[in-house]
Amino acid sequence: MGAPNSDRLVVLNPLGEAVGERIAAVDPRLVVINDREAPGWARAHEADVLLTAPGHGWRQAPAQAPSGWPGTLRWVHTASVGVDFFPPWLLQVPQVSCARGVAATPIADYVLSALLAHNQPWAERRVNSPEAWRREFERAEAQPLRLLAGQHLGLLGFGAIGQAVARRALAFGMQVTALRRSAAPLGEPGVAQARSLPELLAQVDHLVLALPITAESRHVINAEALAHARPGLHLVNIARGALVDQEALLQALDSGRLGAATLDVTDPEPLPAGHPLYTHPRVRLTPHISWAAGEVQTATADKFIDQLQRYLKGEPLADLVDAQRGY
């Protein structure tokens, strides 16, 4: 469903004037309101199209839709893939699209960096004296650094991010197996398809969580699931913290069932002061930054502008959010 015939289409843009200028240049019918300060819903009654992101006030959004919502809005585009940061009433707008695929490349690079850091902990092998040099040189034969080649990577979720991770892992000579909600063929050469989560957990050295958070996927990694994990498993979560039961995760790390966890996301964010995940020796914790590499804002604007051009031509939008599925 594209834009109806109109001499004027108002776009509310929170990404700054430089992005606003790019949007305005798409078509003379466009009127762009640049506003970084107002919450994502506060000026929606002035616009036909809303470009927004989780950080634009949505964490403080009212539980119920504001009076008159969605007003004149015909389309919302979120500069994020997941819509779990937004209140359910956002989806009352006729069309909601997301930035699916925009962050796949930086997140995939983050994952491969995490796998390499787990296999080759350079910080532990650095030297600062001739004595340390000799000690680590001798240690290299007895305790060599590990290769990714030949190791088995599991992917829970196989959208744009999972596919980007798979291609990089295959280039390193890893064996790759994926599990996703749909039983349809994966369509990625060299990637095997698991039949169940226990099957996947039992065979992989690394498991990457790359699926959306829904009522069904919340705490999908729990004590029952982790009981099937291959001993020493390295868990990498770049999706949503609530996919993991963190108490079960800590127990699995303490027992040795899991060898390590790389967590870019937690539940909540940030964790409260003193939480054991901050200091656990087998945990690498980063503050939800796996997406923040390269020209992310440019890619986000490019995605929206491509969608906007489709909308103005009356063409179907890509990457629409399914309100029933929640992503």
C-alpha atoms as a PDB file:
ATOM      1  CA  MET A   1       0.000   0.000   0.000  1.00  0.00           C
ATOM      2  CA  GLY A   2       1.705   3.138  -1.220  1.00  0.00           C
ATOM      3  CA  ALA A   3       0.998   6.811  -0.795  1.00  0.00           C
ATOM      4  CA  PRO A   4      -2.314   8.147  -2.123  1.00  0.00           C
ATOM      5  CA  ASN A   5      -2.258  10.968  -4.632  1.00  0.00           C
ATOM      6  CA  SER A   6      -1.250  14.078  -2.715  1.00  0.00           C
ATOM      7  CA  ASP A   7       0.623  17.301  -3.284  1.00  0.00           C
ATOM      8  CA  ARG A   8       2.158  17.073   0.189  1.00  0.00           C
ATOM      9  CA  LEU A   9       3.536  14.289   2.353  1.00  0.00           C
ATOM     10  CA  VAL A  10       4.892  15.154   5.801  1.00  0.00           C
ATOM     11  CA  VAL A  11       7.746  13.071   7.223  1.00  0.00           C
ATOM     12  CA  LEU A  12       8.774  13.360  10.877  1.00  0.00           C
ATOM     13  CA  ASN A  13      12.527  12.728  11.095  1.00  0.00           C
ATOM     14  CA  PRO A  14      14.515  12.408  14.355  1.00  0.00           C
ATOM     15  CA  LEU A  15      17.868  11.549  12.760  1.00  0.00           C
ATOM     16  CA  GLY A  16      19.145  15.075  12.252  1.00  0.00           C
ATOM     17  CA  GLU A  17      19.140  17.741   9.583  1.00  0.00           C
ATOM     18  CA  ALA A  18      21.652  15.991   7.307  1.00  0.00           C
ATOM     19  CA  VAL A  19      19.329  12.991   7.010  1.00  0.00           C
ATOM     20  CA  GLY A  20      16.379  15.348   6.690  1.00  0.00           C
ATOM     21  CA  GLU A  21      18.005  17.042   3.692  1.00  0.00           C
ATOM     22  CA  ARG A  22      18.501  13.656   2.026  1.00  0.00           C
ATOM     23  CA  ILE A  23      14.853  12.782   2.623  1.00  0.00           C
ATOM     24  CA  ALA A  24      13.588  16.115   1.292  1.00  0.00           C
ATOM     25  CA  ALA A  25      15.652  15.678  -1.880  1.00  0.00           C
ATOM     26  CA  VAL A  26      13.767  12.494  -2.796  1.00  0.00           C
ATOM     27  CA  ASP A  27      10.631  14.258  -4.034  1.00  0.00           C
ATOM     28  CA  PRO A  28       9.269  17.843  -4.118  1.00  0.00           C
ATOM     29  CA  ARG A  29       6.050  16.675  -2.443  1.00  0.00           C
ATOM     30  CA  LEU A  30       7.913  15.904   0.775  1.00  0.00           C
ATOM     31  CA  VAL A  31       7.822  18.175   3.793  1.00  0.00           C
ATOM     32  CA  VAL A  32      10.311  17.105   6.454  1.00  0.00           C
ATOM     33  CA  ILE A  33      10.022  17.960  10.141  1.00  0.00           C
ATOM     34  CA  ASN A  34      13.415  17.478  11.796  1.00  0.00           C
ATOM     35  CA  ASP A  35      13.039  16.959  15.539  1.00  0.00           C
ATOM     36  CA  ARG A  36      15.620  15.108  17.637  1.00  0.00           C
ATOM     37  CA  GLU A  37      14.044  16.046  20.978  1.00  0.00           C
ATOM     38  CA  ALA A  38      10.359  15.174  20.893  1.00  0.00           C
ATOM     39  CA  PRO A  39       9.370  11.605  21.835  1.00  0.00           C
ATOM     40  CA  GLY A  40       8.558   9.457  18.845  1.00  0.00           C
ATOM     41  CA  TRP A  41       4.799   9.788  19.256  1.00  0.00           C
ATOM     42  CA  ALA A  42       4.531  13.402  20.462  1.00  0.00           C
ATOM     43  CA  ARG A  43       4.306  15.082  17.046  1.00  0.00           C
ATOM     44  CA  ALA A  44       2.915  12.146  15.090  1.00  0.00           C
ATOM     45  CA  HIS A  45      -0.371  14.032  14.589  1.00  0.00           C
ATOM     46  CA  GLU A  46       1.531  16.479  12.371  1.00  0.00           C
ATOM     47  CA  ALA A  47       2.905  13.843  10.013  1.00  0.00           C
ATOM     48  CA  ASP A  48       1.923  11.236   7.452  1.00  0.00           C
ATOM     49  CA  VAL A  49       5.124   9.222   7.887  1.00  0.00           C
ATOM     50  CA  LEU A  50       7.162   8.671  11.052  1.00  0.00           C
ATOM     51  CA  LEU A  51      10.798   7.593  11.036  1.00  0.00           C
ATOM     52  CA  THR A  52      11.741   6.525  14.544  1.00  0.00           C
ATOM     53  CA  ALA A  53      14.012   4.348  16.692  1.00  0.00           C
ATOM     54  CA  PRO A  54      13.870   2.779  20.173  1.00  0.00           C
ATOM     55  CA  GLY A  55      15.902   5.610  21.677  1.00  0.00           C
ATOM     56  CA  HIS A  56      13.450   8.314  20.631  1.00  0.00           C
ATOM     57  CA  GLY A  57      11.567   8.371  23.924  1.00  0.00           C
ATOM     58  CA  TRP A  58       9.862   5.020  23.507  1.00  0.00           C
ATOM     59  CA  ARG A  59      11.152   3.573  26.784  1.00  0.00           C
ATOM     60  CA  GLN A  60       8.986   6.189  28.534  1.00  0.00           C
ATOM     61  CA  ALA A  61       5.990   5.730  26.241  1.00  0.00           C
ATOM     62  CA  PRO A  62       2.557   5.509  27.896  1.00  0.00           C
ATOM     63  CA  ALA A  63       1.056   2.052  28.278  1.00  0.00           C
ATOM     64  CA  GLN A  64      -2.039   3.126  26.370  1.00  0.00           C
ATOM     65  CA  ALA A  65      -2.093   4.865  23.011  1.00  0.00           C
ATOM     66  CA  PRO A  66      -2.228   8.672  23.201  1.00  0.00           C
ATOM     67  CA  SER A  67      -5.601  10.223  22.454  1.00  0.00           C
ATOM     68  CA  GLY A  68      -6.240  10.286  18.730  1.00  0.00           C
ATOM     69  CA  TRP A  69      -3.400   7.890  17.854  1.00  0.00           C
ATOM     70  CA  PRO A  70      -2.419   7.175  15.108  1.00  0.00           C
ATOM     71  CA  GLY A  71      -3.951  10.386  13.784  1.00  0.00           C
ATOM     72  CA  THR A  72      -2.778  11.193  10.272  1.00  0.00           C
ATOM     73  CA  LEU A  73       0.010   8.609  10.303  1.00  0.00           C
ATOM     74  CA  ARG A  74      -0.121   6.170   7.412  1.00  0.00           C
ATOM     75  CA  TRP A  75       3.268   4.552   7.853  1.00  0.00           C
ATOM     76  CA  VAL A  76       5.960   4.149  10.526  1.00  0.00           C
ATOM     77  CA  HIS A  77       9.491   3.007   9.723  1.00  0.00           C
ATOM     78  CA  THR A  78      11.630   1.885  12.659  1.00  0.00           C
ATOM     79  CA  ALA A  79      15.399   2.296  12.480  1.00  0.00           C
ATOM     80  CA  SER A  80      15.696  -1.052  14.254  1.00  0.00           C
ATOM     81  CA  VAL A  81      14.838  -4.624  13.354  1.00  0.00           C
ATOM     82  CA  GLY A  82      13.016  -5.652  16.515  1.00  0.00           C
ATOM     83  CA  VAL A  83       9.857  -3.853  17.592  1.00  0.00           C
ATOM     84  CA  ASP A  84       9.870  -5.156  21.162  1.00  0.00           C
ATOM     85  CA  PHE A  85      11.153  -1.792  22.423  1.00  0.00           C
ATOM     86  CA  PHE A  86       7.941  -0.146  21.231  1.00  0.00           C
ATOM     87  CA  PRO A  87       4.482  -0.252  22.849  1.00  0.00           C
ATOM     88  CA  PRO A  88       1.961  -2.533  21.126  1.00  0.00           C
ATOM     89  CA  TRP A  89      -0.126   0.441  20.069  1.00  0.00           C
ATOM     90  CA  LEU A  90       2.602   1.498  17.613  1.00  0.00           C
ATOM     91  CA  LEU A  91       1.336  -1.306  15.401  1.00  0.00           C
ATOM     92  CA  GLN A  92      -2.073   0.388  15.092  1.00  0.00           C
ATOM     93  CA  VAL A  93      -0.553   2.437  12.257  1.00  0.00           C
ATOM     94  CA  PRO A  94      -1.651   1.021   8.867  1.00  0.00           C
ATOM     95  CA  GLN A  95       1.904   0.024   7.907  1.00  0.00           C
ATOM     96  CA  VAL A  96       5.011  -0.490  10.052  1.00  0.00           C
ATOM     97  CA  SER A  97       8.299  -1.418   8.403  1.00  0.00           C
ATOM     98  CA  CYS A  98      11.679  -2.068   9.977  1.00  0.00           C
ATOM     99  CA  ALA A  99      15.381  -1.772   9.198  1.00  0.00           C
ATOM    100  CA  ARG A 100      15.879  -5.486   8.603  1.00  0.00           C
ATOM    101  CA  GLY A 101      19.348  -6.180   7.225  1.00  0.00           C
ATOM    102  CA  VAL A 102      20.873  -2.755   7.952  1.00  0.00           C
ATOM    103  CA  ALA A 103      23.006  -3.991  10.865  1.00  0.00           C
ATOM    104  CA  ALA A 104      23.707  -7.494   9.550  1.00  0.00           C
ATOM    105  CA  THR A 105      27.266  -6.727   8.441  1.00  0.00           C
ATOM    106  CA  PRO A 106      28.531  -5.031  11.632  1.00  0.00           C
ATOM    107  CA  ILE A 107      26.824  -7.622  13.837  1.00  0.00           C
ATOM    108  CA  ALA A 108      28.284 -10.485  11.817  1.00  0.00           C
ATOM    109  CA  ASP A 109      31.751  -8.946  12.178  1.00  0.00           C
ATOM    110  CA  TYR A 110      31.180  -8.664  15.941  1.00  0.00           C
ATOM    111  CA  VAL A 111      30.262 -12.362  16.100  1.00  0.00           C
ATOM    112  CA  LEU A 112      33.359 -13.471  14.212  1.00  0.00           C
ATOM    113  CA  SER A 113      35.471 -11.238  16.443  1.00  0.00           C
ATOM    114  CA  ALA A 114      33.910 -12.947  19.466  1.00  0.00           C
ATOM    115  CA  LEU A 115      34.661 -16.398  18.055  1.00  0.00           C
ATOM    116  CA  LEU A 116      38.267 -15.439  17.330  1.00  0.00           C
ATOM    117  CA  ALA A 117      38.711 -13.872  20.768  1.00  0.00           C
ATOM    118  CA  HIS A 118      37.405 -17.050  22.360  1.00  0.00           C
ATOM    119  CA  ASN A 119      39.773 -19.221  20.328  1.00  0.00           C
ATOM    120  CA  GLN A 120      42.791 -16.937  20.357  1.00  0.00           C
ATOM    121  CA  PRO A 121      42.873 -14.849  23.560  1.00  0.00           C
ATOM    122  CA  TRP A 122      45.625 -12.459  22.537  1.00  0.00           C
ATOM    123  CA  ALA A 123      45.408 -10.407  25.735  1.00  0.00           C
ATOM    124  CA  GLU A 124      46.498 -13.460  27.733  1.00  0.00           C
ATOM    125  CA  ARG A 125      49.448 -14.151  25.444  1.00  0.00           C
ATOM    126  CA  ARG A 126      50.915 -10.668  25.130  1.00  0.00           C
ATOM    127  CA  VAL A 127      54.454 -10.225  26.427  1.00  0.00           C
ATOM    128  CA  ASN A 128      56.268  -7.293  28.035  1.00  0.00           C
ATOM    129  CA  SER A 129      59.755  -8.692  28.701  1.00  0.00           C
ATOM    130  CA  PRO A 130      62.299 -11.148  27.258  1.00  0.00           C
ATOM    131  CA  GLU A 131      61.398 -13.605  30.029  1.00  0.00           C
ATOM    132  CA  ALA A 132      57.705 -13.435  29.175  1.00  0.00           C
ATOM    133  CA  TRP A 133      58.547 -13.824  25.486  1.00  0.00           C
ATOM    134  CA  ARG A 134      60.458 -17.053  26.145  1.00  0.00           C
ATOM    135  CA  ARG A 135      57.717 -18.358  28.461  1.00  0.00           C
ATOM    136  CA  GLU A 136      54.920 -17.745  25.954  1.00  0.00           C
ATOM    137  CA  PHE A 137      56.989 -19.075  23.066  1.00  0.00           C
ATOM    138  CA  GLU A 138      57.467 -22.360  24.932  1.00  0.00           C
ATOM    139  CA  ARG A 139      53.803 -22.385  25.898  1.00  0.00           C
ATOM    140  CA  ALA A 140      52.744 -22.065  22.253  1.00  0.00           C
ATOM    141  CA  GLU A 141      53.725 -25.666  21.531  1.00  0.00           C
ATOM    142  CA  ALA A 142      52.107 -27.095  24.670  1.00  0.00           C
ATOM    143  CA  GLN A 143      49.020 -24.859  24.506  1.00  0.00           C
ATOM    144  CA  PRO A 144      48.589 -23.721  20.894  1.00  0.00           C
ATOM    145  CA  LEU A 145      45.978 -21.175  19.885  1.00  0.00           C
ATOM    146  CA  ARG A 146      42.890 -22.771  18.386  1.00  0.00           C
ATOM    147  CA  LEU A 147      41.634 -22.431  14.827  1.00  0.00           C
ATOM    148  CA  LEU A 148      38.054 -21.754  13.835  1.00  0.00           C
ATOM    149  CA  ALA A 149      38.528 -24.123  10.911  1.00  0.00           C
ATOM    150  CA  GLY A 150      36.868 -27.417  11.718  1.00  0.00           C
ATOM    151  CA  GLN A 151      34.844 -26.054  14.634  1.00  0.00           C
ATOM    152  CA  HIS A 152      31.063 -26.249  14.552  1.00  0.00           C
ATOM    153  CA  LEU A 153      28.947 -23.081  14.654  1.00  0.00           C
ATOM    154  CA  GLY A 154      25.257 -23.176  15.499  1.00  0.00           C
ATOM    155  CA  LEU A 155      22.837 -20.416  14.555  1.00  0.00           C
ATOM    156  CA  LEU A 156      19.498 -20.061  16.308  1.00  0.00           C
ATOM    157  CA  GLY A 157      17.668 -17.846  13.855  1.00  0.00           C
ATOM    158  CA  PHE A 158      18.544 -17.493  10.190  1.00  0.00           C
ATOM    159  CA  GLY A 159      17.483 -14.071   8.996  1.00  0.00           C
ATOM    160  CA  ALA A 160      19.788 -11.443   7.526  1.00  0.00           C
ATOM    161  CA  ILE A 161      22.139 -11.530  10.531  1.00  0.00           C
ATOM    162  CA  GLY A 162      22.319 -15.313  10.735  1.00  0.00           C
ATOM    163  CA  GLN A 163      23.022 -15.537   7.007  1.00  0.00           C
ATOM    164  CA  ALA A 164      25.793 -12.918   7.206  1.00  0.00           C
ATOM    165  CA  VAL A 165      27.398 -14.793  10.120  1.00  0.00           C
ATOM    166  CA  ALA A 166      27.131 -18.086   8.252  1.00  0.00           C
ATOM    167  CA  ARG A 167      28.932 -16.761   5.176  1.00  0.00           C
ATOM    168  CA  ARG A 168      31.830 -15.476   7.268  1.00  0.00           C
ATOM    169  CA  ALA A 169      32.050 -18.673   9.300  1.00  0.00           C
ATOM    170  CA  LEU A 170      32.118 -20.814   6.151  1.00  0.00           C
ATOM    171  CA  ALA A 171      34.967 -18.683   4.825  1.00  0.00           C
ATOM    172  CA  PHE A 172      36.921 -19.587   7.975  1.00  0.00           C
ATOM    173  CA  GLY A 173      36.347 -23.278   7.299  1.00  0.00           C
ATOM    174  CA  MET A 174      33.774 -23.796  10.039  1.00  0.00           C
ATOM    175  CA  GLN A 175      30.944 -26.276   9.933  1.00  0.00           C
ATOM    176  CA  VAL A 176      27.661 -24.372  10.182  1.00  0.00           C
ATOM    177  CA  THR A 177      24.226 -25.597  11.255  1.00  0.00           C
ATOM    178  CA  ALA A 178      21.146 -23.409  11.654  1.00  0.00           C
ATOM    179  CA  LEU A 179      17.734 -23.743  13.238  1.00  0.00           C
ATOM    180  CA  ARG A 180      14.869 -21.410  12.506  1.00  0.00           C
ATOM    181  CA  ARG A 181      11.145 -21.323  13.071  1.00  0.00           C
ATOM    182  CA  SER A 182      10.280 -22.252   9.508  1.00  0.00           C
ATOM    183  CA  ALA A 183      11.018 -25.748   8.248  1.00  0.00           C
ATOM    184  CA  ALA A 184      11.549 -24.382   4.716  1.00  0.00           C
ATOM    185  CA  PRO A 185      15.010 -25.032   3.225  1.00  0.00           C
ATOM    186  CA  LEU A 186      17.629 -22.530   4.342  1.00  0.00           C
ATOM    187  CA  GLY A 187      18.826 -21.761   0.843  1.00  0.00           C
ATOM    188  CA  GLU A 188      22.398 -21.065   1.938  1.00  0.00           C
ATOM    189  CA  PRO A 189      24.975 -23.437   0.388  1.00  0.00           C
ATOM    190  CA  GLY A 190      27.059 -25.238   2.962  1.00  0.00           C
ATOM    191  CA  VAL A 191      24.712 -24.618   5.907  1.00  0.00           C
ATOM    192  CA  ALA A 192      23.043 -27.670   7.446  1.00  0.00           C
ATOM    193  CA  GLN A 193      19.599 -27.455   9.006  1.00  0.00           C
ATOM    194  CA  ALA A 194      18.930 -28.711  12.529  1.00  0.00           C
ATOM    195  CA  ARG A 195      15.619 -30.334  13.428  1.00  0.00           C
ATOM    196  CA  SER A 196      15.443 -29.167  17.037  1.00  0.00           C
ATOM    197  CA  LEU A 197      17.198 -26.996  19.607  1.00  0.00           C
ATOM    198  CA  PRO A 198      18.455 -29.984  21.669  1.00  0.00           C
ATOM    199  CA  GLU A 199      19.960 -31.461  18.508  1.00  0.00           C
ATOM    200  CA  LEU A 200      21.664 -28.178  17.674  1.00  0.00           C
ATOM    201  CA  LEU A 201      23.008 -27.611  21.191  1.00  0.00           C
ATOM    202  CA  ALA A 202      24.418 -31.120  21.428  1.00  0.00           C
ATOM    203  CA  GLN A 203      26.697 -30.786  18.413  1.00  0.00           C
ATOM    204  CA  VAL A 204      28.025 -27.223  18.215  1.00  0.00           C
ATOM    205  CA  ASP A 205      31.092 -25.531  19.716  1.00  0.00           C
ATOM    206  CA  HIS A 206      29.580 -22.041  19.430  1.00  0.00           C
ATOM    207  CA  LEU A 207      25.914 -21.047  19.465  1.00  0.00           C
ATOM    208  CA  VAL A 208      24.843 -17.617  18.161  1.00  0.00           C
ATOM    209  CA  LEU A 209      21.410 -16.303  19.081  1.00  0.00           C
ATOM    210  CA  ALA A 210      20.042 -14.314  16.146  1.00  0.00           C
ATOM    211  CA  LEU A 211      16.283 -14.491  16.474  1.00  0.00           C
ATOM    212  CA  PRO A 212      13.603 -11.978  17.498  1.00  0.00           C
ATOM    213  CA  ILE A 213      12.130 -11.879  20.983  1.00  0.00           C
ATOM    214  CA  THR A 214       8.514 -13.037  21.129  1.00  0.00           C
ATOM    215  CA  ALA A 215       6.346 -14.722  23.726  1.00  0.00           C
ATOM    216  CA  GLU A 216       7.490 -18.052  22.296  1.00  0.00           C
ATOM    217  CA  SER A 217      11.212 -17.260  22.235  1.00  0.00           C
ATOM    218  CA  ARG A 218      11.508 -15.665  25.692  1.00  0.00           C
ATOM    219  CA  HIS A 219      14.012 -17.734  27.762  1.00  0.00           C
ATOM    220  CA  VAL A 220      14.421 -20.192  24.896  1.00  0.00           C
ATOM    221  CA  ILE A 221      17.890 -20.745  26.350  1.00  0.00           C
ATOM    222  CA  ASN A 222      16.968 -22.078  29.776  1.00  0.00           C
ATOM    223  CA  ALA A 223      18.136 -24.824  32.138  1.00  0.00           C
ATOM    224  CA  GLU A 224      16.324 -27.510  30.172  1.00  0.00           C
ATOM    225  CA  ALA A 225      17.889 -26.403  26.889  1.00  0.00           C
ATOM    226  CA  LEU A 226      21.367 -25.974  28.372  1.00  0.00           C
ATOM    227  CA  ALA A 227      21.270 -29.527  29.716  1.00  0.00           C
ATOM    228  CA  HIS A 228      21.671 -30.615  26.083  1.00  0.00           C
ATOM    229  CA  ALA A 229      24.663 -28.355  25.415  1.00  0.00           C
ATOM    230  CA  ARG A 230      27.905 -29.859  24.282  1.00  0.00           C
ATOM    231  CA  PRO A 231      30.355 -29.408  27.185  1.00  0.00           C
ATOM    232  CA  GLY A 232      32.409 -26.248  26.763  1.00  0.00           C
ATOM    233  CA  LEU A 233      29.874 -24.536  24.498  1.00  0.00           C
ATOM    234  CA  HIS A 234      30.511 -20.839  23.770  1.00  0.00           C
ATOM    235  CA  LEU A 235      27.224 -18.896  23.725  1.00  0.00           C
ATOM    236  CA  VAL A 236      27.015 -15.617  21.785  1.00  0.00           C
ATOM    237  CA  ASN A 237      23.932 -13.414  22.158  1.00  0.00           C
ATOM    238  CA  ILE A 238      23.608 -10.430  19.831  1.00  0.00           C
ATOM    239  CA  ALA A 239      19.798 -10.449  19.644  1.00  0.00           C
ATOM    240  CA  ARG A 240      17.846  -9.794  22.853  1.00  0.00           C
ATOM    241  CA  GLY A 241      18.774 -10.442  26.472  1.00  0.00           C
ATOM    242  CA  ALA A 242      15.400 -11.983  27.317  1.00  0.00           C
ATOM    243  CA  LEU A 243      16.137 -14.923  25.021  1.00  0.00           C
ATOM    244  CA  VAL A 244      18.320 -16.246  27.844  1.00  0.00           C
ATOM    245  CA  ASP A 245      17.388 -17.266  31.382  1.00  0.00           C
ATOM    246  CA  GLN A 246      20.365 -15.555  33.006  1.00  0.00           C
ATOM    247  CA  GLU A 247      20.181 -17.586  36.222  1.00  0.00           C
ATOM    248  CA  ALA A 248      20.360 -20.779  34.193  1.00  0.00           C
ATOM    249  CA  LEU A 249      23.214 -19.285  32.193  1.00  0.00           C
ATOM    250  CA  LEU A 250      25.222 -18.521  35.331  1.00  0.00           C
ATOM    251  CA  GLN A 251      24.646 -22.019  36.686  1.00  0.00           C
ATOM    252  CA  ALA A 252      25.790 -23.558  33.390  1.00  0.00           C
ATOM    253  CA  LEU A 253      28.916 -21.379  33.378  1.00  0.00           C
ATOM    254  CA  ASP A 254      29.729 -22.212  36.992  1.00  0.00           C
ATOM    255  CA  SER A 255      29.242 -25.943  36.426  1.00  0.00           C
ATOM    256  CA  GLY A 256      31.438 -25.960  33.330  1.00  0.00           C
ATOM    257  CA  ARG A 257      28.614 -27.049  31.031  1.00  0.00           C
ATOM    258  CA  LEU A 258      29.228 -23.765  29.180  1.00  0.00           C
ATOM    259  CA  GLY A 259      32.791 -22.760  28.483  1.00  0.00           C
ATOM    260  CA  ALA A 260      32.047 -19.086  27.922  1.00  0.00           C
ATOM    261  CA  ALA A 261      29.415 -16.530  26.992  1.00  0.00           C
ATOM    262  CA  THR A 262      29.774 -13.414  24.865  1.00  0.00           C
ATOM    263  CA  LEU A 263      26.824 -11.156  25.605  1.00  0.00           C
ATOM    264  CA  ASP A 264      26.096  -7.935  23.772  1.00  0.00           C
ATOM    265  CA  VAL A 265      22.576  -7.889  25.209  1.00  0.00           C
ATOM    266  CA  THR A 266      21.145  -8.576  28.661  1.00  0.00           C
ATOM    267  CA  ASP A 267      17.848  -8.378  30.494  1.00  0.00           C
ATOM    268  CA  PRO A 268      17.533  -5.627  31.655  1.00  0.00           C
ATOM    269  CA  GLU A 269      19.886  -3.181  29.969  1.00  0.00           C
ATOM    270  CA  PRO A 270      21.993  -2.183  31.713  1.00  0.00           C
ATOM    271  CA  LEU A 271      22.162  -4.876  34.389  1.00  0.00           C
ATOM    272  CA  PRO A 272      21.933  -3.579  37.956  1.00  0.00           C
ATOM    273  CA  ALA A 273      25.162  -2.745  39.784  1.00  0.00           C
ATOM    274  CA  GLY A 274      26.853  -5.805  41.218  1.00  0.00           C
ATOM    275  CA  HIS A 275      25.241  -8.301  38.847  1.00  0.00           C
ATOM    276  CA  PRO A 276      27.517 -11.363  38.544  1.00  0.00           C
ATOM    277  CA  LEU A 277      27.600 -11.209  34.737  1.00  0.00           C
ATOM    278  CA  TYR A 278      29.726  -8.041  34.979  1.00  0.00           C
ATOM    279  CA  THR A 279      32.616  -9.874  36.613  1.00  0.00           C
ATOM    280  CA  HIS A 280      32.183 -13.541  35.738  1.00  0.00           C
ATOM    281  CA  PRO A 281      35.529 -14.854  34.423  1.00  0.00           C
ATOM    282  CA  ARG A 282      33.865 -16.744  31.580  1.00  0.00           C
ATOM    283  CA  VAL A 283      31.732 -13.847  30.344  1.00  0.00           C
ATOM    284  CA  ARG A 284      32.588 -11.130  27.824  1.00  0.00           C
ATOM    285  CA  LEU A 285      29.970  -8.406  28.219  1.00  0.00           C
ATOM    286  CA  THR A 286      29.531  -5.450  25.881  1.00  0.00           C
ATOM    287  CA  PRO A 287      26.852  -2.711  26.074  1.00  0.00           C
ATOM    288  CA  HIS A 288      24.627  -3.518  23.060  1.00  0.00           C
ATOM    289  CA  ILE A 289      27.105  -2.149  20.525  1.00  0.00           C
ATOM    290  CA  SER A 290      27.425  -4.984  17.994  1.00  0.00           C
ATOM    291  CA  TRP A 291      25.452  -2.919  15.458  1.00  0.00           C
ATOM    292  CA  ALA A 292      27.599   0.206  15.900  1.00  0.00           C
ATOM    293  CA  ALA A 293      30.277  -0.228  13.256  1.00  0.00           C
ATOM    294  CA  GLY A 294      30.794   1.391   9.884  1.00  0.00           C
ATOM    295  CA  GLU A 295      28.390   3.995   8.512  1.00  0.00           C
ATOM    296  CA  VAL A 296      25.343   2.812  10.429  1.00  0.00           C
ATOM    297  CA  GLN A 297      23.422   6.078  10.225  1.00  0.00           C
ATOM    298  CA  THR A 298      24.059   6.305   6.488  1.00  0.00           C
ATOM    299  CA  ALA A 299      22.841   2.737   5.999  1.00  0.00           C
ATOM    300  CA  THR A 300      19.767   3.471   8.119  1.00  0.00           C
ATOM    301  CA  ALA A 301      18.951   6.534   6.020  1.00  0.00           C
ATOM    302  CA  ASP A 302      19.546   4.592   2.802  1.00  0.00           C
ATOM    303  CA  LYS A 303      17.076   1.933   3.916  1.00  0.00           C
ATOM    304  CA  PHE A 304      14.399   4.482   4.755  1.00  0.00           C
ATOM    305  CA  ILE A 305      14.905   6.409   1.518  1.00  0.00           C
ATOM    306  CA  ASP A 306      14.580   3.213  -0.517  1.00  0.00           C
ATOM    307  CA  GLN A 307      11.326   2.478   1.304  1.00  0.00           C
ATOM    308  CA  LEU A 308      10.146   6.054   0.818  1.00  0.00           C
ATOM    309  CA  GLN A 309      10.711   5.829  -2.923  1.00  0.00           C
ATOM    310  CA  ARG A 310       8.643   2.640  -3.005  1.00  0.00           C
ATOM    311  CA  TYR A 311       5.906   4.345  -0.998  1.00  0.00           C
ATOM    312  CA  LEU A 312       5.750   7.368  -3.285  1.00  0.00           C
ATOM    313  CA  LYS A 313       5.469   5.108  -6.335  1.00  0.00           C
ATOM    314  CA  GLY A 314       2.631   3.155  -4.756  1.00  0.00           C
ATOM    315  CA  GLU A 315       4.767   0.009  -4.561  1.00  0.00           C
ATOM    316  CA  PRO A 316       4.562  -2.467  -1.659  1.00  0.00           C
ATOM    317  CA  LEU A 317       6.972  -1.762   1.192  1.00  0.00           C
ATOM    318  CA  ALA A 318       9.646  -4.286   2.078  1.00  0.00           C
ATOM    319  CA  ASP A 319      10.262  -5.686   5.564  1.00  0.00           C
ATOM    320  CA  LEU A 320       6.824  -5.012   6.976  1.00  0.00           C
ATOM    321  CA  VAL A 321       6.293  -5.971  10.605  1.00  0.00           C
ATOM    322  CA  ASP A 322       3.728  -8.715  11.176  1.00  0.00           C
ATOM    323  CA  ALA A 323       1.739  -7.638  14.238  1.00  0.00           C
ATOM    324  CA  GLN A 324       0.665 -11.223  14.966  1.00  0.00           C
ATOM    325  CA  ARG A 325       4.205 -12.611  14.902  1.00  0.00           C
ATOM    326  CA  GLY A 326       5.712  -9.583  16.622  1.00  0.00           C
ATOM    327  CA  TYR A 327       8.533  -8.993  14.109  1.00  0.00           C
END
